Amino acid sequence: MDAKERLTYFELIQGCIENFESETIVLNQGIEIIAISSQPARYLIAHPKVPRILLTNMMGRMILDLCSSKRSIGDIREGIVSKLQTNVDPALVLLDIVKFIRMAEHHGILHASLT
């Protein structure tokens, strides 16, 4: 599925999820973020008590930085869109954020809750 198809699918289901952007994201305590390369930027994220690691790029790092205090998915999207220098569709950014958050939550890096 290419980016356009993913975005179309997301736009179709987004209306079915009440208060989606108000979901609050909090980075778990003890998370370590280690830069493993600079070109391209790659980071290893781990928790000493959880036997899983997550590798991410600069976008994942930006999301984690914005999760350092309690924020909603909508706040995180706005923070990232304001830092991007290209005209990117905010819905596509939201889709990428949600996918990353679900993956990071699965790995014990952060947790999400509806407020």
Protein backbone atom coordinates (compact mmCIF):
# COMPACT_ATOMS: atom_id res chain seq x y z
CA MET A 1 0.00 0.00 0.00
CA ASP A 2 1.56 3.30 -1.04
CA ALA A 3 1.34 6.60 0.90
CA LYS A 4 -1.69 7.84 -1.04
CA GLU A 5 -3.63 4.61 -0.41
CA ARG A 6 -2.72 4.65 3.30
CA LEU A 7 -3.87 8.26 3.58
CA THR A 8 -7.15 7.52 1.78
CA TYR A 9 -7.80 4.56 4.08
CA PHE A 10 -6.95 6.63 7.15
CA GLU A 11 -9.25 9.45 6.06
CA LEU A 12 -12.07 6.91 5.65
CA ILE A 13 -11.69 5.45 9.15
CA GLN A 14 -10.69 8.64 11.01
CA GLY A 15 -14.31 9.72 11.45
CA CYS A 16 -15.07 6.41 13.19
CA ILE A 17 -12.63 7.09 16.00
CA GLU A 18 -14.03 9.60 18.47
CA ASN A 19 -11.57 12.04 20.08
CA PHE A 20 -8.66 10.41 18.27
CA GLU A 21 -6.38 13.42 18.41
CA SER A 22 -7.07 14.03 22.09
CA GLU A 23 -5.43 10.75 23.13
CA THR A 24 -2.70 11.63 25.64
CA ILE A 25 0.80 10.21 25.16
CA VAL A 26 3.38 9.92 27.94
CA LEU A 27 6.94 8.65 27.61
CA ASN A 28 7.67 5.92 30.16
CA GLN A 29 10.30 6.59 32.84
CA GLY A 30 13.78 5.19 32.28
CA ILE A 31 13.72 5.28 28.49
CA GLU A 32 17.14 5.56 26.88
CA ILE A 33 17.55 7.17 23.46
CA ILE A 34 20.93 6.44 21.89
CA ALA A 35 22.09 7.94 18.58
CA ILE A 36 23.61 5.15 16.50
CA SER A 37 24.23 7.03 13.24
CA SER A 38 24.01 10.58 12.00
CA GLN A 39 23.71 10.11 8.23
CA PRO A 40 20.96 9.02 8.08
CA ALA A 41 19.86 9.79 11.62
CA ARG A 42 19.03 6.58 13.45
CA TYR A 43 18.25 6.07 17.14
CA LEU A 44 17.99 3.05 19.40
CA ILE A 45 15.31 3.38 22.05
CA ALA A 46 15.27 0.99 24.99
CA HIS A 47 13.96 0.59 28.49
CA PRO A 48 16.29 -1.22 30.92
CA LYS A 49 13.42 -3.28 32.38
CA VAL A 50 11.73 -4.22 29.09
CA PRO A 51 13.53 -6.77 26.90
CA ARG A 52 12.73 -4.98 23.64
CA ILE A 53 14.38 -2.26 21.63
CA LEU A 54 13.08 0.04 18.94
CA LEU A 55 15.08 1.55 16.10
CA THR A 56 13.79 4.80 14.67
CA ASN A 57 14.65 7.71 12.42
CA MET A 58 14.57 11.46 13.03
CA MET A 59 10.74 11.61 12.82
CA GLY A 60 10.46 9.00 15.59
CA ARG A 61 12.95 10.98 17.66
CA MET A 62 10.89 14.16 17.16
CA ILE A 63 7.76 12.32 18.33
CA LEU A 64 9.56 11.01 21.43
CA ASP A 65 10.92 14.47 22.23
CA LEU A 66 7.37 15.84 22.10
CA CYS A 67 6.22 13.01 24.39
CA SER A 68 8.61 14.06 27.16
CA SER A 69 5.68 15.90 28.74
CA LYS A 70 2.03 14.88 28.65
CA ARG A 71 0.68 15.84 25.23
CA SER A 72 -2.13 14.79 22.95
CA ILE A 73 -1.63 13.26 19.53
CA GLY A 74 -3.01 16.49 18.05
CA ASP A 75 -0.39 18.53 19.95
CA ILE A 76 2.36 16.23 18.72
CA ARG A 77 1.13 16.54 15.13
CA GLU A 78 1.06 20.34 15.35
CA GLY A 79 4.58 20.37 16.81
CA ILE A 80 5.95 18.22 14.01
CA VAL A 81 4.08 19.99 11.19
CA SER A 82 5.46 23.33 12.44
CA LYS A 83 9.03 21.95 12.30
CA LEU A 84 8.78 20.44 8.82
CA GLN A 85 10.03 22.67 6.05
CA THR A 86 7.88 21.15 3.35
CA ASN A 87 4.18 21.36 2.71
CA VAL A 88 3.14 17.93 3.92
CA ASP A 89 -0.44 16.83 4.44
CA PRO A 90 -1.19 17.01 8.21
CA ALA A 91 -3.38 13.90 7.89
CA LEU A 92 -0.39 11.93 6.57
CA VAL A 93 1.74 13.22 9.46
CA LEU A 94 -1.00 12.15 11.87
CA LEU A 95 -1.06 8.68 10.32
CA ASP A 96 2.72 8.31 10.74
CA ILE A 97 2.51 9.52 14.35
CA VAL A 98 -0.25 7.06 15.21
CA LYS A 99 1.64 4.15 13.64
CA PHE A 100 4.82 5.10 15.53
CA ILE A 101 2.98 5.56 18.83
CA ARG A 102 1.30 2.15 18.55
CA MET A 103 4.63 0.50 17.79
CA ALA A 104 6.40 2.34 20.64
CA GLU A 105 3.56 1.47 23.01
CA HIS A 106 3.92 -2.20 22.06
CA HIS A 107 7.64 -2.00 22.88
CA GLY A 108 7.01 -0.42 26.31
CA ILE A 109 8.49 2.95 25.32
CA LEU A 110 5.40 5.05 26.03
CA HIS A 111 1.75 4.72 26.91
CA ALA A 112 -1.37 6.30 25.52
CA SER A 113 -4.69 7.02 27.16
CA LEU A 114 -7.90 8.75 26.25
CA THR A 115 -8.63 11.81 28.36
